[in-house]
All heavy atoms as atom14 arrays in JSON, in Angstrom:
{
  "sequence": "TITTLMLAVKAMQRDIARNEALASDATLDD",
  "atom14_mask": [
    [1, 1, 1, 1, 1, 1, 1, 0, 0, 0, 0, 0, 0, 0],
    [1, 1, 1, 1, 1, 1, 1, 1, 0, 0, 0, 0, 0, 0],
    [1, 1, 1, 1, 1, 1, 1, 0, 0, 0, 0, 0, 0, 0],
    [1, 1, 1, 1, 1, 1, 1, 0, 0, 0, 0, 0, 0, 0],
    [1, 1, 1, 1, 1, 1, 1, 1, 0, 0, 0, 0, 0, 0],
    [1, 1, 1, 1, 1, 1, 1, 1, 0, 0, 0, 0, 0, 0],
    [1, 1, 1, 1, 1, 1, 1, 1, 0, 0, 0, 0, 0, 0],
    [1, 1, 1, 1, 1, 0, 0, 0, 0, 0, 0, 0, 0, 0],
    [1, 1, 1, 1, 1, 1, 1, 0, 0, 0, 0, 0, 0, 0],
    [1, 1, 1, 1, 1, 1, 1, 1, 1, 0, 0, 0, 0, 0],
    [1, 1, 1, 1, 1, 0, 0, 0, 0, 0, 0, 0, 0, 0],
    [1, 1, 1, 1, 1, 1, 1, 1, 0, 0, 0, 0, 0, 0],
    [1, 1, 1, 1, 1, 1, 1, 1, 1, 0, 0, 0, 0, 0],
    [1, 1, 1, 1, 1, 1, 1, 1, 1, 1, 1, 0, 0, 0],
    [1, 1, 1, 1, 1, 1, 1, 1, 0, 0, 0, 0, 0, 0],
    [1, 1, 1, 1, 1, 1, 1, 1, 0, 0, 0, 0, 0, 0],
    [1, 1, 1, 1, 1, 0, 0, 0, 0, 0, 0, 0, 0, 0],
    [1, 1, 1, 1, 1, 1, 1, 1, 1, 1, 1, 0, 0, 0],
    [1, 1, 1, 1, 1, 1, 1, 1, 0, 0, 0, 0, 0, 0],
    [1, 1, 1, 1, 1, 1, 1, 1, 1, 0, 0, 0, 0, 0],
    [1, 1, 1, 1, 1, 0, 0, 0, 0, 0, 0, 0, 0, 0],
    [1, 1, 1, 1, 1, 1, 1, 1, 0, 0, 0, 0, 0, 0],
    [1, 1, 1, 1, 1, 0, 0, 0, 0, 0, 0, 0, 0, 0],
    [1, 1, 1, 1, 1, 1, 0, 0, 0, 0, 0, 0, 0, 0],
    [1, 1, 1, 1, 1, 1, 1, 1, 0, 0, 0, 0, 0, 0],
    [1, 1, 1, 1, 1, 0, 0, 0, 0, 0, 0, 0, 0, 0],
    [1, 1, 1, 1, 1, 1, 1, 0, 0, 0, 0, 0, 0, 0],
    [1, 1, 1, 1, 1, 1, 1, 1, 0, 0, 0, 0, 0, 0],
    [1, 1, 1, 1, 1, 1, 1, 1, 0, 0, 0, 0, 0, 0],
    [1, 1, 1, 1, 1, 1, 1, 1, 0, 0, 0, 0, 0, 0]
  ],
  "atom14_positions": [
    [[50.58, 43.96, 27.7], [50.97, 44.46, 26.39], [51.93, 43.47, 25.75], [52.56, 42.65, 26.42], [51.67, 45.83, 26.5], [52.92, 45.64, 27.17], [50.81, 46.85, 27.23], [0.0, 0.0, 0.0], [0.0, 0.0, 0.0], [0.0, 0.0, 0.0], [0.0, 0.0, 0.0], [0.0, 0.0, 0.0], [0.0, 0.0, 0.0], [0.0, 0.0, 0.0]],
    [[52.07, 43.57, 24.44], [52.98, 42.67, 23.73], [54.42, 42.9, 24.17], [55.2, 41.96, 24.25], [52.81, 42.77, 22.2], [53.59, 41.62, 21.55], [53.18, 44.13, 21.7], [53.24, 41.35, 20.12], [0.0, 0.0, 0.0], [0.0, 0.0, 0.0], [0.0, 0.0, 0.0], [0.0, 0.0, 0.0], [0.0, 0.0, 0.0], [0.0, 0.0, 0.0]],
    [[54.74, 44.14, 24.51], [56.1, 44.43, 24.99], [56.36, 43.71, 26.31], [57.42, 43.12, 26.5], [56.31, 45.94, 25.15], [56.03, 46.58, 23.9], [57.72, 46.27, 25.58], [0.0, 0.0, 0.0], [0.0, 0.0, 0.0], [0.0, 0.0, 0.0], [0.0, 0.0, 0.0], [0.0, 0.0, 0.0], [0.0, 0.0, 0.0], [0.0, 0.0, 0.0]],
    [[55.4, 43.74, 27.2], [55.54, 43.03, 28.48], [55.66, 41.53, 28.25], [56.51, 40.87, 28.86], [54.34, 43.33, 29.39], [54.3, 44.74, 29.63], [54.43, 42.58, 30.7], [0.0, 0.0, 0.0], [0.0, 0.0, 0.0], [0.0, 0.0, 0.0], [0.0, 0.0, 0.0], [0.0, 0.0, 0.0], [0.0, 0.0, 0.0], [0.0, 0.0, 0.0]],
    [[54.84, 40.99, 27.35], [54.92, 39.56, 27.03], [56.28, 39.22, 26.44], [56.87, 38.18, 26.79], [53.81, 39.17, 26.06], [52.4, 39.13, 26.65], [51.37, 39.01, 25.53], [52.27, 37.99, 27.63], [0.0, 0.0, 0.0], [0.0, 0.0, 0.0], [0.0, 0.0, 0.0], [0.0, 0.0, 0.0], [0.0, 0.0, 0.0], [0.0, 0.0, 0.0]],
    [[56.79, 40.07, 25.56], [58.09, 39.81, 24.93], [59.19, 39.77, 26.0], [60.02, 38.85, 26.01], [58.39, 40.9, 23.9], [59.68, 40.7, 23.15], [59.91, 41.86, 21.78], [59.95, 43.42, 22.61], [0.0, 0.0, 0.0], [0.0, 0.0, 0.0], [0.0, 0.0, 0.0], [0.0, 0.0, 0.0], [0.0, 0.0, 0.0], [0.0, 0.0, 0.0]],
    [[59.18, 40.72, 26.9], [60.18, 40.76, 27.96], [60.04, 39.56, 28.9], [61.04, 38.98, 29.33], [60.08, 42.07, 28.74], [60.46, 43.32, 27.95], [60.1, 44.57, 28.74], [61.91, 43.31, 27.57], [0.0, 0.0, 0.0], [0.0, 0.0, 0.0], [0.0, 0.0, 0.0], [0.0, 0.0, 0.0], [0.0, 0.0, 0.0], [0.0, 0.0, 0.0]],
    [[58.81, 39.18, 29.22], [58.58, 38.03, 30.1], [59.04, 36.73, 29.45], [59.65, 35.88, 30.12], [57.1, 37.95, 30.48], [0.0, 0.0, 0.0], [0.0, 0.0, 0.0], [0.0, 0.0, 0.0], [0.0, 0.0, 0.0], [0.0, 0.0, 0.0], [0.0, 0.0, 0.0], [0.0, 0.0, 0.0], [0.0, 0.0, 0.0], [0.0, 0.0, 0.0]],
    [[58.79, 36.57, 28.16], [59.22, 35.36, 27.44], [60.74, 35.26, 27.47], [61.31, 34.21, 27.79], [58.69, 35.35, 25.99], [59.41, 34.32, 25.14], [57.19, 35.09, 25.98], [0.0, 0.0, 0.0], [0.0, 0.0, 0.0], [0.0, 0.0, 0.0], [0.0, 0.0, 0.0], [0.0, 0.0, 0.0], [0.0, 0.0, 0.0], [0.0, 0.0, 0.0]],
    [[61.43, 36.36, 27.16], [62.9, 36.34, 27.15], [63.46, 36.1, 28.55], [64.42, 35.34, 28.71], [63.44, 37.67, 26.58], [63.22, 37.85, 25.1], [63.87, 36.76, 24.27], [65.37, 36.82, 24.35], [66.02, 35.74, 23.6], [0.0, 0.0, 0.0], [0.0, 0.0, 0.0], [0.0, 0.0, 0.0], [0.0, 0.0, 0.0], [0.0, 0.0, 0.0]],
    [[62.87, 36.72, 29.56], [63.35, 36.53, 30.94], [63.16, 35.08, 31.39], [64.06, 34.49, 31.99], [62.62, 37.49, 31.88], [0.0, 0.0, 0.0], [0.0, 0.0, 0.0], [0.0, 0.0, 0.0], [0.0, 0.0, 0.0], [0.0, 0.0, 0.0], [0.0, 0.0, 0.0], [0.0, 0.0, 0.0], [0.0, 0.0, 0.0], [0.0, 0.0, 0.0]],
    [[62.01, 34.52, 31.06], [61.76, 33.14, 31.47], [62.68, 32.19, 30.7], [63.16, 31.21, 31.28], [60.3, 32.77, 31.26], [59.97, 31.42, 31.83], [58.23, 31.2, 32.16], [58.18, 31.72, 33.85], [0.0, 0.0, 0.0], [0.0, 0.0, 0.0], [0.0, 0.0, 0.0], [0.0, 0.0, 0.0], [0.0, 0.0, 0.0], [0.0, 0.0, 0.0]],
    [[62.93, 32.47, 29.44], [63.85, 31.64, 28.66], [65.23, 31.61, 29.32], [65.83, 30.56, 29.48], [63.94, 32.17, 27.23], [64.89, 31.38, 26.35], [65.13, 32.07, 25.01], [65.11, 33.29, 24.9], [65.36, 31.26, 23.99], [0.0, 0.0, 0.0], [0.0, 0.0, 0.0], [0.0, 0.0, 0.0], [0.0, 0.0, 0.0], [0.0, 0.0, 0.0]],
    [[65.72, 32.77, 29.71], [67.03, 32.86, 30.38], [67.02, 32.14, 31.73], [67.97, 31.45, 32.08], [67.44, 34.32, 30.56], [67.93, 34.98, 29.31], [68.55, 36.35, 29.59], [67.6, 37.27, 30.19], [66.81, 38.1, 29.51], [66.85, 38.11, 28.2], [65.98, 38.9, 30.14], [0.0, 0.0, 0.0], [0.0, 0.0, 0.0], [0.0, 0.0, 0.0]],
    [[65.94, 32.31, 32.48], [65.85, 31.69, 33.8], [65.82, 30.16, 33.69], [66.48, 29.46, 34.46], [64.61, 32.21, 34.52], [64.69, 31.98, 36.02], [65.78, 32.15, 36.6], [63.65, 31.61, 36.6], [0.0, 0.0, 0.0], [0.0, 0.0, 0.0], [0.0, 0.0, 0.0], [0.0, 0.0, 0.0], [0.0, 0.0, 0.0], [0.0, 0.0, 0.0]],
    [[65.07, 29.65, 32.73], [65.01, 28.2, 32.53], [66.38, 27.67, 32.12], [66.84, 26.65, 32.64], [63.92, 27.82, 31.5], [62.54, 28.04, 32.11], [64.08, 26.37, 31.04], [61.39, 27.91, 31.13], [0.0, 0.0, 0.0], [0.0, 0.0, 0.0], [0.0, 0.0, 0.0], [0.0, 0.0, 0.0], [0.0, 0.0, 0.0], [0.0, 0.0, 0.0]],
    [[67.05, 28.37, 31.22], [68.38, 27.93, 30.78], [69.36, 27.91, 31.96], [70.15, 26.97, 32.11], [68.9, 28.85, 29.68], [0.0, 0.0, 0.0], [0.0, 0.0, 0.0], [0.0, 0.0, 0.0], [0.0, 0.0, 0.0], [0.0, 0.0, 0.0], [0.0, 0.0, 0.0], [0.0, 0.0, 0.0], [0.0, 0.0, 0.0], [0.0, 0.0, 0.0]],
    [[69.28, 28.92, 32.81], [70.15, 28.97, 33.99], [69.85, 27.8, 34.93], [70.76, 27.13, 35.43], [69.95, 30.3, 34.72], [70.78, 30.45, 35.96], [70.5, 31.8, 36.65], [70.88, 31.75, 38.03], [70.13, 31.26, 39.02], [68.95, 30.77, 38.8], [70.57, 31.27, 40.26], [0.0, 0.0, 0.0], [0.0, 0.0, 0.0], [0.0, 0.0, 0.0]],
    [[68.58, 27.55, 35.19], [68.21, 26.45, 36.08], [68.55, 25.1, 35.5], [68.94, 24.18, 36.22], [66.72, 26.53, 36.45], [66.44, 27.65, 37.42], [67.3, 28.04, 38.2], [65.24, 28.19, 37.37], [0.0, 0.0, 0.0], [0.0, 0.0, 0.0], [0.0, 0.0, 0.0], [0.0, 0.0, 0.0], [0.0, 0.0, 0.0], [0.0, 0.0, 0.0]],
    [[68.44, 24.94, 34.18], [68.85, 23.69, 33.53], [70.35, 23.47, 33.71], [70.78, 22.34, 33.98], [68.5, 23.71, 32.04], [67.05, 23.51, 31.76], [66.7, 23.64, 30.29], [67.38, 24.38, 29.55], [65.73, 23.0, 29.87], [0.0, 0.0, 0.0], [0.0, 0.0, 0.0], [0.0, 0.0, 0.0], [0.0, 0.0, 0.0], [0.0, 0.0, 0.0]],
    [[71.13, 24.54, 33.55], [72.58, 24.41, 33.74], [72.9, 24.02, 35.18], [73.75, 23.15, 35.42], [73.27, 25.72, 33.36], [0.0, 0.0, 0.0], [0.0, 0.0, 0.0], [0.0, 0.0, 0.0], [0.0, 0.0, 0.0], [0.0, 0.0, 0.0], [0.0, 0.0, 0.0], [0.0, 0.0, 0.0], [0.0, 0.0, 0.0], [0.0, 0.0, 0.0]],
    [[72.22, 24.64, 36.12], [72.47, 24.31, 37.53], [72.01, 22.9, 37.86], [72.64, 22.2, 38.65], [71.76, 25.32, 38.44], [72.39, 26.71, 38.46], [71.47, 27.71, 39.16], [73.75, 26.68, 39.14], [0.0, 0.0, 0.0], [0.0, 0.0, 0.0], [0.0, 0.0, 0.0], [0.0, 0.0, 0.0], [0.0, 0.0, 0.0], [0.0, 0.0, 0.0]],
    [[70.93, 22.45, 37.24], [70.41, 21.1, 37.5], [71.34, 20.02, 36.99], [71.23, 18.86, 37.39], [69.02, 20.94, 36.87], [0.0, 0.0, 0.0], [0.0, 0.0, 0.0], [0.0, 0.0, 0.0], [0.0, 0.0, 0.0], [0.0, 0.0, 0.0], [0.0, 0.0, 0.0], [0.0, 0.0, 0.0], [0.0, 0.0, 0.0], [0.0, 0.0, 0.0]],
    [[72.25, 20.38, 36.12], [73.2, 19.39, 35.6], [74.64, 19.67, 36.05], [75.58, 19.09, 35.53], [73.13, 19.34, 34.08], [73.47, 20.59, 33.53], [0.0, 0.0, 0.0], [0.0, 0.0, 0.0], [0.0, 0.0, 0.0], [0.0, 0.0, 0.0], [0.0, 0.0, 0.0], [0.0, 0.0, 0.0], [0.0, 0.0, 0.0], [0.0, 0.0, 0.0]],
    [[74.79, 20.54, 37.04], [76.11, 20.9, 37.56], [76.57, 19.83, 38.55], [76.04, 19.71, 39.66], [76.03, 22.26, 38.25], [77.37, 22.76, 38.75], [78.33, 21.96, 38.84], [77.46, 23.96, 39.05], [0.0, 0.0, 0.0], [0.0, 0.0, 0.0], [0.0, 0.0, 0.0], [0.0, 0.0, 0.0], [0.0, 0.0, 0.0], [0.0, 0.0, 0.0]],
    [[77.56, 19.07, 38.16], [78.04, 17.94, 38.97], [78.68, 18.39, 40.29], [78.89, 17.57, 41.18], [79.03, 17.11, 38.17], [0.0, 0.0, 0.0], [0.0, 0.0, 0.0], [0.0, 0.0, 0.0], [0.0, 0.0, 0.0], [0.0, 0.0, 0.0], [0.0, 0.0, 0.0], [0.0, 0.0, 0.0], [0.0, 0.0, 0.0], [0.0, 0.0, 0.0]],
    [[78.98, 19.67, 40.44], [79.59, 20.14, 41.68], [78.57, 20.39, 42.77], [78.95, 20.57, 43.92], [80.41, 21.42, 41.44], [79.53, 22.48, 41.04], [81.48, 21.21, 40.39], [0.0, 0.0, 0.0], [0.0, 0.0, 0.0], [0.0, 0.0, 0.0], [0.0, 0.0, 0.0], [0.0, 0.0, 0.0], [0.0, 0.0, 0.0], [0.0, 0.0, 0.0]],
    [[77.28, 20.39, 42.43], [76.24, 20.62, 43.43], [75.81, 19.31, 44.07], [75.92, 18.24, 43.47], [75.03, 21.29, 42.78], [75.26, 22.68, 42.19], [73.99, 23.2, 41.54], [75.74, 23.66, 43.26], [0.0, 0.0, 0.0], [0.0, 0.0, 0.0], [0.0, 0.0, 0.0], [0.0, 0.0, 0.0], [0.0, 0.0, 0.0], [0.0, 0.0, 0.0]],
    [[75.3, 19.41, 45.29], [74.83, 18.19, 45.96], [73.46, 17.78, 45.41], [72.81, 18.53, 44.68], [74.81, 18.35, 47.48], [73.82, 19.38, 47.97], [72.7, 19.48, 47.42], [74.14, 20.08, 48.95], [0.0, 0.0, 0.0], [0.0, 0.0, 0.0], [0.0, 0.0, 0.0], [0.0, 0.0, 0.0], [0.0, 0.0, 0.0], [0.0, 0.0, 0.0]],
    [[73.03, 16.59, 45.77], [71.79, 16.03, 45.23], [70.56, 16.9, 45.53], [69.67, 17.02, 44.69], [71.56, 14.62, 45.77], [72.53, 13.61, 45.16], [73.16, 13.94, 44.14], [72.63, 12.5, 45.7], [0.0, 0.0, 0.0], [0.0, 0.0, 0.0], [0.0, 0.0, 0.0], [0.0, 0.0, 0.0], [0.0, 0.0, 0.0], [0.0, 0.0, 0.0]]
  ]
}
């Protein structure tokens, strides 16, 4: 359904943003 797609798009957007932030976190190891 479009509601499911809308929720999935928003969830994935947040997850990607979180992973991008972690991928550039200088306190983490390589």
